[in-house]
């Protein structure tokens, strides 16, 4: 049996975890494979450009394939940021200065080697099982008063979650991957004091079949 991918568990969400910054790298959850990256020496390469303004994108975070993040076709989801556009107060996907994409092993290695980093210090995380119910009706009752950044499971957000998210390329199911809290790096993130949310095509149909938006 092959490794399951996002699309295999659309009707039965992956196990959910609360995310909190670790006190130290040694306190981080082993093999979590979600990280917000700090600066390193890079090899200058051709910059990826913001689709809105054309300026260079910076590398913000990685969701690597792991027991916590089940990917089949790709090695990771890469979250990039345009420092200029992300300062605007528009959280809409495609208009907020954030770009998320699937990357294979080669594309991931290139990004890590050549892309400048957005944060002055990296952040590692501790993951704690949420214990959330699998059935949606039970989950909707359980989630009340539990707004918190998370990885996997079902989305918990400030605004009402859309139940009709589909991939614009293949029409397949749109999967919730994780959420990011602005308070983790308030000087460098603008979510209107709220949260950002990463979604991806459950079929992993193309590198661009992923999305990021924020709300408050």
N, C-alpha and C. Protein backbone atom coordinates (compact mmCIF):
# COMPACT_ATOMS: atom_id res chain seq x y z
N UNK A 1 0.86 -1.20 0.00
CA UNK A 1 0.00 0.00 0.00
C UNK A 1 0.88 1.24 0.00
N UNK A 2 0.61 2.20 -0.90
CA UNK A 2 1.41 3.41 -0.98
C UNK A 2 1.05 4.39 0.11
N UNK A 3 1.87 5.41 0.25
CA UNK A 3 1.60 6.46 1.23
C UNK A 3 0.32 7.19 0.84
N UNK A 4 -0.63 7.39 1.75
CA UNK A 4 -1.85 8.11 1.41
C UNK A 4 -1.53 9.55 1.09
N UNK A 5 -2.34 10.17 0.24
CA UNK A 5 -2.15 11.58 -0.04
C UNK A 5 -3.38 12.35 0.38
N UNK A 6 -3.34 13.66 0.24
CA UNK A 6 -4.40 14.49 0.78
C UNK A 6 -5.78 14.05 0.31
N UNK A 7 -5.88 13.64 -0.95
CA UNK A 7 -7.18 13.29 -1.51
C UNK A 7 -7.79 12.03 -0.93
N UNK A 8 -6.98 11.14 -0.36
CA UNK A 8 -7.50 9.88 0.15
C UNK A 8 -8.36 10.05 1.39
N UNK A 9 -8.23 11.17 2.08
CA UNK A 9 -8.94 11.31 3.35
C UNK A 9 -9.80 12.56 3.38
N UNK A 10 -10.32 12.94 2.22
CA UNK A 10 -11.14 14.15 2.16
C UNK A 10 -12.39 14.02 3.01
N UNK A 11 -13.05 12.89 2.93
CA UNK A 11 -14.27 12.71 3.70
C UNK A 11 -13.97 12.31 5.14
N UNK A 12 -12.76 11.91 5.40
CA UNK A 12 -12.34 11.54 6.75
C UNK A 12 -11.07 12.31 7.06
N UNK A 13 -11.18 13.49 7.68
CA UNK A 13 -10.03 14.38 7.83
C UNK A 13 -8.85 13.74 8.56
N UNK A 14 -7.65 14.19 8.20
CA UNK A 14 -6.46 13.78 8.91
C UNK A 14 -6.55 14.20 10.37
N UNK A 15 -5.83 13.54 11.22
CA UNK A 15 -5.81 13.89 12.64
C UNK A 15 -5.36 15.34 12.81
N UNK A 16 -6.02 16.06 13.68
CA UNK A 16 -5.69 17.47 13.90
C UNK A 16 -4.75 17.67 15.07
N UNK A 17 -3.93 18.72 14.97
CA UNK A 17 -2.98 19.07 16.03
C UNK A 17 -3.02 20.57 16.28
N UNK A 18 -2.98 20.96 17.56
CA UNK A 18 -2.77 22.36 17.90
C UNK A 18 -1.31 22.68 17.65
N UNK A 19 -1.03 23.88 17.15
CA UNK A 19 0.35 24.31 16.92
C UNK A 19 0.71 25.46 17.85
N UNK A 20 1.86 25.32 18.51
CA UNK A 20 2.39 26.38 19.37
C UNK A 20 3.90 26.46 19.16
N UNK A 21 4.47 27.66 19.16
CA UNK A 21 5.93 27.77 19.03
C UNK A 21 6.62 27.01 20.15
N UNK A 22 7.66 26.27 19.80
CA UNK A 22 8.44 25.53 20.79
C UNK A 22 9.34 26.49 21.55
N UNK A 23 9.58 26.19 22.83
CA UNK A 23 10.47 27.03 23.64
C UNK A 23 11.90 26.98 23.13
N UNK A 24 12.27 25.85 22.53
CA UNK A 24 13.60 25.68 21.96
C UNK A 24 13.51 24.60 20.89
N UNK A 25 14.48 24.51 19.98
CA UNK A 25 14.43 23.45 18.97
C UNK A 25 14.30 22.06 19.57
N UNK A 26 14.91 21.84 20.73
CA UNK A 26 14.83 20.52 21.35
C UNK A 26 13.43 20.22 21.88
N UNK A 27 12.63 21.28 22.08
CA UNK A 27 11.26 21.13 22.57
C UNK A 27 10.27 20.92 21.44
N UNK A 28 10.72 21.09 20.19
CA UNK A 28 9.84 20.95 19.04
C UNK A 28 9.44 19.49 18.84
N UNK A 29 8.27 19.29 18.27
CA UNK A 29 7.80 17.93 18.00
C UNK A 29 8.66 17.29 16.91
N UNK A 30 9.26 16.13 17.17
CA UNK A 30 10.10 15.47 16.16
C UNK A 30 9.31 15.13 14.90
N UNK A 31 9.94 15.33 13.76
CA UNK A 31 9.37 14.94 12.46
C UNK A 31 8.09 15.70 12.12
N UNK A 32 7.82 16.82 12.79
CA UNK A 32 6.60 17.57 12.50
C UNK A 32 6.61 18.07 11.06
N UNK A 33 7.78 18.56 10.60
CA UNK A 33 7.96 18.98 9.21
C UNK A 33 7.17 20.21 8.83
N UNK A 34 6.71 20.98 9.81
CA UNK A 34 6.21 22.33 9.54
C UNK A 34 7.15 23.29 10.24
N UNK A 35 7.65 24.27 9.51
CA UNK A 35 8.57 25.24 10.10
C UNK A 35 8.44 26.58 9.40
N UNK A 36 8.66 27.64 10.17
CA UNK A 36 8.75 28.99 9.61
C UNK A 36 10.24 29.34 9.61
N UNK A 37 10.77 29.62 8.45
CA UNK A 37 12.21 29.61 8.24
C UNK A 37 12.90 30.92 8.57
N UNK A 38 14.08 30.81 9.18
CA UNK A 38 14.92 31.96 9.46
C UNK A 38 16.00 32.10 8.40
N UNK A 39 16.82 33.14 8.50
CA UNK A 39 17.81 33.46 7.46
C UNK A 39 18.96 32.45 7.41
N UNK A 40 19.44 32.22 6.20
CA UNK A 40 20.64 31.41 5.97
C UNK A 40 21.39 32.05 4.80
N UNK A 41 22.64 31.63 4.63
CA UNK A 41 23.38 32.07 3.45
C UNK A 41 22.78 31.36 2.23
N UNK A 42 22.47 32.12 1.20
CA UNK A 42 21.87 31.54 0.01
C UNK A 42 22.76 31.76 -1.19
N UNK A 43 22.52 30.95 -2.20
CA UNK A 43 23.19 31.12 -3.48
C UNK A 43 22.27 31.94 -4.37
N UNK A 44 22.72 33.12 -4.82
CA UNK A 44 21.85 33.95 -5.64
C UNK A 44 21.34 33.17 -6.86
N UNK A 45 20.07 33.27 -7.09
CA UNK A 45 19.46 32.62 -8.23
C UNK A 45 18.36 33.49 -8.80
N UNK A 46 17.69 32.98 -9.78
CA UNK A 46 16.59 33.73 -10.39
C UNK A 46 15.44 33.82 -9.41
N UNK A 47 15.02 35.02 -9.09
CA UNK A 47 13.98 35.22 -8.08
C UNK A 47 12.61 34.84 -8.60
N UNK A 48 11.81 34.25 -7.74
CA UNK A 48 10.39 34.10 -8.04
C UNK A 48 9.72 35.43 -7.77
N UNK A 49 8.78 35.79 -8.62
CA UNK A 49 8.18 37.12 -8.58
C UNK A 49 6.73 37.08 -8.10
N UNK A 50 6.34 38.13 -7.40
CA UNK A 50 4.97 38.28 -6.94
C UNK A 50 4.05 38.44 -8.15
N UNK A 51 2.98 37.67 -8.24
CA UNK A 51 2.07 37.80 -9.38
C UNK A 51 1.29 39.10 -9.39
N UNK A 52 1.29 39.83 -8.26
CA UNK A 52 0.57 41.10 -8.18
C UNK A 52 1.43 42.28 -8.58
N UNK A 53 2.63 42.38 -7.99
CA UNK A 53 3.45 43.58 -8.21
C UNK A 53 4.75 43.31 -8.95
N UNK A 54 5.14 42.05 -9.08
CA UNK A 54 6.37 41.71 -9.79
C UNK A 54 7.63 41.75 -8.97
N UNK A 55 7.54 42.12 -7.68
CA UNK A 55 8.73 42.15 -6.84
C UNK A 55 9.08 40.73 -6.35
N UNK A 56 10.29 40.58 -5.82
CA UNK A 56 10.77 39.26 -5.40
C UNK A 56 9.97 38.71 -4.23
N UNK A 57 9.70 37.41 -4.28
CA UNK A 57 9.07 36.72 -3.17
C UNK A 57 10.14 36.22 -2.20
N UNK A 58 9.76 36.12 -0.93
CA UNK A 58 10.63 35.55 0.09
C UNK A 58 10.01 34.27 0.62
N UNK A 59 10.85 33.40 1.16
CA UNK A 59 10.39 32.13 1.71
C UNK A 59 9.94 32.32 3.15
N UNK A 60 8.72 31.90 3.45
CA UNK A 60 8.18 32.09 4.80
C UNK A 60 8.09 30.77 5.58
N UNK A 61 7.50 29.74 4.97
CA UNK A 61 7.26 28.51 5.73
C UNK A 61 7.23 27.30 4.80
N UNK A 62 7.44 26.13 5.40
CA UNK A 62 7.39 24.86 4.67
C UNK A 62 6.47 23.88 5.39
N UNK A 63 5.71 23.14 4.59
CA UNK A 63 4.97 21.98 5.06
C UNK A 63 5.57 20.79 4.31
N UNK A 64 6.51 20.10 4.94
CA UNK A 64 7.17 18.98 4.27
C UNK A 64 6.35 17.69 4.42
N UNK A 65 6.49 16.81 3.44
CA UNK A 65 5.84 15.51 3.52
C UNK A 65 6.33 14.78 4.77
N UNK A 66 5.41 14.27 5.57
CA UNK A 66 5.75 13.62 6.84
C UNK A 66 4.52 12.86 7.32
N UNK A 67 4.65 12.12 8.44
CA UNK A 67 3.45 11.48 9.00
C UNK A 67 2.37 12.49 9.40
N UNK A 68 2.76 13.76 9.59
CA UNK A 68 1.80 14.80 9.94
C UNK A 68 1.19 15.45 8.70
N UNK A 69 1.92 15.43 7.59
CA UNK A 69 1.51 16.11 6.36
C UNK A 69 1.63 15.09 5.23
N UNK A 70 0.54 14.46 4.88
CA UNK A 70 0.57 13.35 3.95
C UNK A 70 0.49 13.85 2.51
N UNK A 71 1.58 13.74 1.80
CA UNK A 71 1.65 14.10 0.39
C UNK A 71 2.13 12.89 -0.39
N UNK A 72 1.63 12.73 -1.61
CA UNK A 72 2.05 11.61 -2.44
C UNK A 72 2.90 12.07 -3.62
N UNK A 73 2.43 13.07 -4.37
CA UNK A 73 3.12 13.47 -5.60
C UNK A 73 4.27 14.43 -5.33
N UNK A 74 4.18 15.21 -4.25
CA UNK A 74 5.14 16.28 -4.01
C UNK A 74 5.86 16.10 -2.67
N UNK A 75 6.98 16.80 -2.55
CA UNK A 75 7.77 16.71 -1.33
C UNK A 75 7.34 17.70 -0.25
N UNK A 76 6.68 18.78 -0.67
CA UNK A 76 6.33 19.82 0.30
C UNK A 76 5.34 20.80 -0.29
N UNK A 77 4.74 21.57 0.59
CA UNK A 77 4.03 22.79 0.24
C UNK A 77 4.90 23.95 0.72
N UNK A 78 5.16 24.90 -0.16
CA UNK A 78 6.00 26.05 0.15
C UNK A 78 5.12 27.29 0.25
N UNK A 79 5.25 28.03 1.35
CA UNK A 79 4.52 29.28 1.52
C UNK A 79 5.49 30.44 1.34
N UNK A 80 5.22 31.27 0.34
CA UNK A 80 6.07 32.42 0.02
C UNK A 80 5.30 33.70 0.31
N UNK A 81 6.04 34.79 0.47
CA UNK A 81 5.44 36.07 0.81
C UNK A 81 6.07 37.19 0.02
N UNK A 82 5.23 38.11 -0.43
CA UNK A 82 5.72 39.37 -1.01
C UNK A 82 5.69 40.41 0.10
N UNK A 83 6.84 40.88 0.57
CA UNK A 83 6.84 41.83 1.68
C UNK A 83 6.01 43.08 1.41
N UNK A 84 5.99 43.53 0.17
CA UNK A 84 5.23 44.73 -0.18
C UNK A 84 3.73 44.49 -0.15
N UNK A 85 3.26 43.51 -0.91
CA UNK A 85 1.82 43.28 -1.02
C UNK A 85 1.20 42.75 0.27
N UNK A 86 1.97 42.02 1.07
CA UNK A 86 1.41 41.45 2.30
C UNK A 86 1.13 42.51 3.35
N UNK A 87 1.63 43.74 3.15
CA UNK A 87 1.33 44.82 4.09
C UNK A 87 -0.06 45.40 3.87
N UNK A 88 -0.67 45.10 2.72
CA UNK A 88 -2.01 45.60 2.44
C UNK A 88 -3.04 44.85 3.28
N UNK A 89 -4.19 45.48 3.51
CA UNK A 89 -5.20 44.89 4.39
C UNK A 89 -6.26 44.13 3.60
N UNK A 90 -5.82 43.21 2.76
CA UNK A 90 -6.73 42.37 1.98
C UNK A 90 -6.33 40.92 2.18
N UNK A 91 -7.21 40.16 2.84
CA UNK A 91 -6.87 38.78 3.13
C UNK A 91 -7.26 37.78 2.06
N UNK A 92 -7.91 38.26 0.99
CA UNK A 92 -8.43 37.37 -0.05
C UNK A 92 -7.33 36.59 -0.74
N UNK A 93 -7.57 35.30 -0.96
CA UNK A 93 -6.62 34.47 -1.68
C UNK A 93 -6.32 35.07 -3.05
N UNK A 94 -5.03 35.14 -3.39
CA UNK A 94 -4.62 35.70 -4.67
C UNK A 94 -4.42 37.20 -4.66
N UNK A 95 -4.79 37.86 -3.56
CA UNK A 95 -4.66 39.32 -3.48
C UNK A 95 -4.03 39.78 -2.19
N UNK A 96 -3.38 38.86 -1.46
CA UNK A 96 -2.88 39.21 -0.12
C UNK A 96 -1.36 39.17 0.00
N UNK A 97 -0.66 38.92 -1.11
CA UNK A 97 0.80 38.90 -1.06
C UNK A 97 1.40 37.58 -0.62
N UNK A 98 0.59 36.54 -0.47
CA UNK A 98 1.08 35.21 -0.10
C UNK A 98 0.85 34.24 -1.26
N UNK A 99 1.83 33.40 -1.51
CA UNK A 99 1.74 32.40 -2.57
C UNK A 99 2.10 31.05 -1.97
N UNK A 100 1.25 30.06 -2.15
CA UNK A 100 1.55 28.71 -1.66
C UNK A 100 1.53 27.76 -2.86
N UNK A 101 2.48 26.85 -2.90
CA UNK A 101 2.60 25.95 -4.05
C UNK A 101 3.16 24.60 -3.61
N UNK A 102 2.79 23.57 -4.35
CA UNK A 102 3.42 22.27 -4.19
C UNK A 102 4.81 22.31 -4.81
N UNK A 103 5.73 21.56 -4.24
CA UNK A 103 7.09 21.48 -4.80
C UNK A 103 7.60 20.05 -4.70
N UNK A 104 8.21 19.58 -5.78
CA UNK A 104 8.91 18.31 -5.74
C UNK A 104 10.25 18.46 -5.05
N UNK A 105 10.98 17.38 -4.95
CA UNK A 105 12.27 17.41 -4.24
C UNK A 105 13.24 18.42 -4.85
N UNK A 106 13.30 18.47 -6.17
CA UNK A 106 14.23 19.38 -6.83
C UNK A 106 13.83 20.83 -6.62
N UNK A 107 12.53 21.13 -6.79
CA UNK A 107 12.05 22.51 -6.59
C UNK A 107 12.22 22.95 -5.14
N UNK A 108 12.02 22.03 -4.21
CA UNK A 108 12.20 22.34 -2.79
C UNK A 108 13.66 22.67 -2.51
N UNK A 109 14.57 21.84 -3.02
CA UNK A 109 16.00 22.09 -2.82
C UNK A 109 16.42 23.44 -3.41
N UNK A 110 15.89 23.77 -4.57
CA UNK A 110 16.21 25.05 -5.21
C UNK A 110 15.72 26.21 -4.36
N UNK A 111 14.49 26.12 -3.85
CA UNK A 111 13.95 27.18 -3.01
C UNK A 111 14.78 27.38 -1.75
N UNK A 112 15.16 26.29 -1.11
CA UNK A 112 15.95 26.40 0.12
C UNK A 112 17.34 26.96 -0.15
N UNK A 113 17.86 26.69 -1.32
CA UNK A 113 19.21 27.12 -1.65
C UNK A 113 19.27 28.57 -2.14
N UNK A 114 18.20 29.06 -2.78
CA UNK A 114 18.30 30.35 -3.48
C UNK A 114 17.35 31.44 -2.98
N UNK A 115 16.30 31.10 -2.24
CA UNK A 115 15.33 32.11 -1.86
C UNK A 115 15.68 32.78 -0.53
N UNK A 116 15.61 34.09 -0.49
CA UNK A 116 15.82 34.80 0.76
C UNK A 116 14.65 34.52 1.70
N UNK A 117 14.91 34.64 3.01
CA UNK A 117 13.92 34.32 4.03
C UNK A 117 13.27 35.59 4.55
N UNK A 118 12.01 35.47 4.92
CA UNK A 118 11.25 36.65 5.37
C UNK A 118 11.47 36.95 6.85
N UNK A 119 11.61 35.93 7.67
CA UNK A 119 11.73 36.14 9.12
C UNK A 119 13.19 36.27 9.54
N UNK A 120 13.48 37.10 10.53
CA UNK A 120 14.85 37.24 11.00
C UNK A 120 15.31 36.04 11.82
N UNK A 121 14.36 35.30 12.39
CA UNK A 121 14.66 34.09 13.15
C UNK A 121 13.63 33.03 12.79
N UNK A 122 14.07 31.78 12.67
CA UNK A 122 13.14 30.70 12.38
C UNK A 122 12.31 30.35 13.60
N UNK A 123 11.18 29.70 13.37
CA UNK A 123 10.30 29.25 14.45
C UNK A 123 10.04 27.76 14.27
N UNK A 124 10.28 26.98 15.31
CA UNK A 124 9.91 25.57 15.30
C UNK A 124 8.69 25.39 16.20
N UNK A 125 8.01 24.26 16.06
CA UNK A 125 6.71 24.14 16.70
C UNK A 125 6.54 22.84 17.47
N UNK A 126 5.63 22.93 18.44
CA UNK A 126 5.20 21.78 19.22
C UNK A 126 3.76 21.47 18.81
N UNK A 127 3.48 20.23 18.49
CA UNK A 127 2.16 19.81 18.06
C UNK A 127 1.50 18.97 19.14
N UNK A 128 0.26 19.31 19.48
CA UNK A 128 -0.50 18.58 20.49
C UNK A 128 -1.80 18.10 19.87
N UNK A 129 -2.11 16.81 19.95
CA UNK A 129 -3.37 16.32 19.36
C UNK A 129 -4.58 17.10 19.88
N UNK A 130 -5.46 17.46 18.95
CA UNK A 130 -6.64 18.23 19.34
C UNK A 130 -7.72 17.34 19.96
N UNK A 131 -7.74 16.08 19.57
CA UNK A 131 -8.81 15.20 20.03
C UNK A 131 -10.16 15.54 19.42
N UNK A 132 -10.13 16.24 18.29
CA UNK A 132 -11.38 16.69 17.67
C UNK A 132 -12.20 15.52 17.12
N UNK A 133 -13.53 15.63 17.17
CA UNK A 133 -14.38 14.58 16.59
C UNK A 133 -14.22 14.52 15.07
N UNK A 134 -14.38 13.36 14.49
CA UNK A 134 -14.27 13.22 13.05
C UNK A 134 -15.54 13.65 12.33
N UNK A 135 -16.70 13.39 12.91
CA UNK A 135 -17.97 13.74 12.27
C UNK A 135 -18.15 15.25 12.29
N UNK A 136 -18.56 15.83 11.16
CA UNK A 136 -18.66 17.28 11.05
C UNK A 136 -19.65 17.87 12.04
N UNK A 137 -20.80 17.25 12.23
CA UNK A 137 -21.80 17.80 13.14
C UNK A 137 -21.25 17.86 14.57
N UNK A 138 -20.56 16.82 14.98
CA UNK A 138 -19.97 16.82 16.31
C UNK A 138 -18.83 17.83 16.40
N UNK A 139 -18.05 17.93 15.32
CA UNK A 139 -16.95 18.89 15.29
C UNK A 139 -17.46 20.31 15.43
N UNK A 140 -18.57 20.65 14.74
CA UNK A 140 -19.11 22.00 14.78
C UNK A 140 -19.50 22.41 16.20
N UNK A 141 -19.93 21.47 17.01
CA UNK A 141 -20.24 21.76 18.41
C UNK A 141 -18.96 21.87 19.23
N UNK A 142 -18.04 20.96 18.97
CA UNK A 142 -16.79 20.87 19.75
C UNK A 142 -15.92 22.11 19.57
N UNK A 143 -15.88 22.70 18.37
CA UNK A 143 -14.92 23.76 18.06
C UNK A 143 -15.23 25.09 18.72
N UNK A 144 -16.43 25.27 19.25
CA UNK A 144 -16.83 26.55 19.82
C UNK A 144 -15.90 26.96 20.95
N UNK A 145 -15.37 28.16 20.83
CA UNK A 145 -14.45 28.67 21.86
C UNK A 145 -13.06 28.09 21.79
N UNK A 146 -12.71 27.41 20.69
CA UNK A 146 -11.41 26.76 20.58
C UNK A 146 -10.57 27.34 19.45
N UNK A 147 -10.66 28.63 19.19
CA UNK A 147 -9.89 29.25 18.12
C UNK A 147 -8.40 29.18 18.44
N UNK A 148 -7.65 28.51 17.57
CA UNK A 148 -6.22 28.27 17.82
C UNK A 148 -5.59 27.81 16.51
N UNK A 149 -4.33 28.16 16.30
CA UNK A 149 -3.62 27.67 15.10
C UNK A 149 -3.50 26.16 15.16
N UNK A 150 -3.61 25.51 14.00
CA UNK A 150 -3.57 24.05 14.00
C UNK A 150 -3.00 23.52 12.70
N UNK A 151 -2.77 22.23 12.71
CA UNK A 151 -2.26 21.50 11.55
C UNK A 151 -3.17 20.30 11.34
N UNK A 152 -3.70 20.14 10.12
CA UNK A 152 -4.55 19.01 9.83
C UNK A 152 -5.91 19.10 10.50
N UNK A 153 -6.67 18.02 10.38
CA UNK A 153 -8.02 18.01 10.89
C UNK A 153 -8.91 18.95 10.10
N UNK A 154 -9.91 19.51 10.75
CA UNK A 154 -10.81 20.47 10.11
C UNK A 154 -10.41 21.90 10.48
N UNK A 155 -10.76 22.82 9.63
CA UNK A 155 -10.44 24.23 9.86
C UNK A 155 -11.25 24.80 11.02
N UNK A 156 -10.60 25.62 11.84
CA UNK A 156 -11.27 26.47 12.82
C UNK A 156 -10.87 27.89 12.48
N UNK A 157 -11.83 28.76 12.19
CA UNK A 157 -11.49 30.12 11.77
C UNK A 157 -12.37 31.15 12.46
N UNK A 158 -11.98 32.41 12.31
CA UNK A 158 -12.74 33.51 12.91
C UNK A 158 -14.06 33.70 12.18
N UNK A 159 -13.97 33.79 10.84
CA UNK A 159 -15.17 33.91 10.02
C UNK A 159 -15.72 32.52 9.73
N UNK A 160 -16.93 32.46 9.22
CA UNK A 160 -17.53 31.17 8.87
C UNK A 160 -16.72 30.51 7.77
N UNK A 161 -16.46 29.21 7.92
CA UNK A 161 -15.69 28.49 6.92
C UNK A 161 -16.57 28.16 5.71
N UNK A 162 -15.98 28.24 4.52
CA UNK A 162 -16.69 27.85 3.31
C UNK A 162 -16.73 26.33 3.23
N UNK A 163 -17.88 25.79 2.88
CA UNK A 163 -18.02 24.35 2.73
C UNK A 163 -18.00 23.94 1.25
N UNK A 164 -17.72 24.90 0.37
CA UNK A 164 -17.78 24.63 -1.08
C UNK A 164 -16.43 24.83 -1.75
N UNK A 165 -15.35 24.70 -1.02
CA UNK A 165 -14.03 24.90 -1.61
C UNK A 165 -13.68 23.75 -2.54
N UNK A 166 -13.43 24.07 -3.79
CA UNK A 166 -13.02 23.08 -4.79
C UNK A 166 -11.83 23.62 -5.55
N UNK A 167 -10.98 22.73 -6.05
CA UNK A 167 -9.84 23.13 -6.85
C UNK A 167 -10.32 23.74 -8.17
N UNK A 168 -9.81 24.91 -8.51
CA UNK A 168 -10.24 25.59 -9.73
C UNK A 168 -9.69 24.92 -10.98
N UNK A 169 -8.67 24.06 -10.83
CA UNK A 169 -8.07 23.40 -11.98
C UNK A 169 -8.75 22.07 -12.31
N UNK A 170 -8.97 21.24 -11.30
CA UNK A 170 -9.51 19.91 -11.56
C UNK A 170 -10.90 19.68 -10.97
N UNK A 171 -11.38 20.62 -10.14
CA UNK A 171 -12.68 20.47 -9.51
C UNK A 171 -12.69 19.52 -8.33
N UNK A 172 -11.50 19.03 -7.96
CA UNK A 172 -11.39 18.10 -6.85
C UNK A 172 -11.54 18.78 -5.50
N UNK A 173 -11.57 18.00 -4.44
CA UNK A 173 -11.77 18.54 -3.09
C UNK A 173 -10.59 19.39 -2.64
N UNK A 174 -10.91 20.46 -1.95
CA UNK A 174 -9.93 21.40 -1.41
C UNK A 174 -9.72 21.00 0.03
N UNK A 175 -8.45 20.70 0.41
CA UNK A 175 -8.16 20.20 1.75
C UNK A 175 -7.54 21.28 2.63
N UNK A 176 -8.01 21.35 3.87
CA UNK A 176 -7.38 22.22 4.86
C UNK A 176 -6.05 21.60 5.29
N UNK A 177 -4.97 22.37 5.21
CA UNK A 177 -3.64 21.89 5.60
C UNK A 177 -3.26 22.40 6.98
N UNK A 178 -3.41 23.71 7.22
CA UNK A 178 -3.05 24.25 8.52
C UNK A 178 -3.33 25.74 8.60
N UNK A 179 -3.22 26.27 9.80
CA UNK A 179 -3.41 27.71 10.03
C UNK A 179 -2.20 28.29 10.75
N UNK A 180 -2.00 29.59 10.56
CA UNK A 180 -0.85 30.31 11.09
C UNK A 180 -1.36 31.52 11.87
N UNK A 181 -0.84 31.73 13.05
CA UNK A 181 -1.26 32.86 13.88
C UNK A 181 -0.36 34.07 13.66
N UNK A 182 -0.95 35.22 13.44
CA UNK A 182 -0.16 36.43 13.26
C UNK A 182 0.73 36.71 14.47
N UNK A 183 0.25 36.38 15.66
CA UNK A 183 0.98 36.70 16.89
C UNK A 183 2.33 36.00 16.98
N UNK A 184 2.56 34.94 16.15
CA UNK A 184 3.85 34.27 16.16
C UNK A 184 4.96 35.19 15.67
N UNK A 185 4.63 36.13 14.79
CA UNK A 185 5.65 37.05 14.23
C UNK A 185 4.95 38.34 13.82
N UNK A 186 4.38 39.04 14.80
CA UNK A 186 3.50 40.17 14.50
C UNK A 186 4.18 41.29 13.73
N UNK A 187 5.47 41.46 13.91
CA UNK A 187 6.18 42.52 13.18
C UNK A 187 6.34 42.18 11.70
N UNK A 188 6.18 40.92 11.35
CA UNK A 188 6.50 40.48 9.98
C UNK A 188 5.30 39.87 9.24
N UNK A 189 4.17 39.72 9.94
CA UNK A 189 2.97 39.18 9.32
C UNK A 189 1.82 40.15 9.51
N UNK A 190 0.93 40.20 8.53
CA UNK A 190 -0.25 41.05 8.63
C UNK A 190 -1.49 40.22 8.31
N UNK A 191 -2.16 39.75 9.36
CA UNK A 191 -3.43 39.05 9.19
C UNK A 191 -4.54 39.81 9.93
N UNK A 192 -4.35 41.11 10.13
CA UNK A 192 -5.35 41.88 10.85
C UNK A 192 -5.57 41.37 12.26
N UNK A 193 -4.49 40.91 12.91
CA UNK A 193 -4.52 40.31 14.25
C UNK A 193 -5.25 38.96 14.25
N UNK A 194 -5.38 38.35 13.07
CA UNK A 194 -6.10 37.09 12.97
C UNK A 194 -5.20 35.92 12.60
N UNK A 195 -5.70 35.09 11.69
CA UNK A 195 -5.04 33.85 11.29
C UNK A 195 -5.01 33.71 9.78
N UNK A 196 -3.96 33.04 9.29
CA UNK A 196 -3.88 32.69 7.88
C UNK A 196 -4.13 31.20 7.72
N UNK A 197 -4.68 30.80 6.56
CA UNK A 197 -5.10 29.42 6.34
C UNK A 197 -4.55 28.89 5.02
N UNK A 198 -3.96 27.71 5.07
CA UNK A 198 -3.41 27.06 3.88
C UNK A 198 -4.35 25.92 3.46
N UNK A 199 -4.72 25.94 2.18
CA UNK A 199 -5.52 24.88 1.59
C UNK A 199 -4.78 24.32 0.38
N UNK A 200 -5.06 23.09 0.02
CA UNK A 200 -4.42 22.47 -1.13
C UNK A 200 -5.37 21.49 -1.80
N UNK A 201 -5.18 21.28 -3.08
CA UNK A 201 -5.98 20.32 -3.83
C UNK A 201 -5.73 18.91 -3.29
N UNK A 202 -6.78 18.21 -2.93
CA UNK A 202 -6.64 16.86 -2.41
C UNK A 202 -6.04 15.89 -3.41
N UNK A 203 -6.12 16.22 -4.70
CA UNK A 203 -5.55 15.37 -5.73
C UNK A 203 -4.12 15.78 -6.10
N UNK A 204 -3.63 16.89 -5.50
CA UNK A 204 -2.29 17.39 -5.82
C UNK A 204 -2.12 17.50 -7.34
N UNK A 205 -3.10 18.11 -8.01
CA UNK A 205 -3.17 18.03 -9.46
C UNK A 205 -2.15 18.89 -10.18
N UNK A 206 -1.63 19.93 -9.55
CA UNK A 206 -0.65 20.81 -10.20
C UNK A 206 0.09 21.60 -9.13
N UNK A 207 1.30 22.07 -9.41
CA UNK A 207 2.05 22.84 -8.40
C UNK A 207 1.28 24.04 -7.84
N UNK A 208 0.49 24.69 -8.68
CA UNK A 208 -0.22 25.90 -8.24
C UNK A 208 -1.56 25.62 -7.58
N UNK A 209 -1.93 24.36 -7.42
CA UNK A 209 -3.24 24.01 -6.88
C UNK A 209 -3.25 24.05 -5.35
N UNK A 210 -2.97 25.22 -4.83
CA UNK A 210 -2.98 25.46 -3.39
C UNK A 210 -3.33 26.92 -3.17
N UNK A 211 -3.76 27.26 -1.97
CA UNK A 211 -4.27 28.61 -1.73
C UNK A 211 -4.02 29.03 -0.29
N UNK A 212 -3.93 30.35 -0.11
CA UNK A 212 -3.75 30.92 1.24
C UNK A 212 -4.63 32.15 1.36
N UNK A 213 -5.35 32.25 2.47
CA UNK A 213 -6.10 33.48 2.78
C UNK A 213 -6.03 33.73 4.28
N UNK A 214 -6.35 34.94 4.69
CA UNK A 214 -6.42 35.20 6.12
C UNK A 214 -7.72 35.92 6.46
N UNK A 215 -8.12 35.80 7.72
CA UNK A 215 -9.27 36.56 8.19
C UNK A 215 -9.05 37.02 9.62
N UNK A 216 -9.91 37.87 10.07
CA UNK A 216 -9.79 38.44 11.43
C UNK A 216 -11.15 38.62 12.05
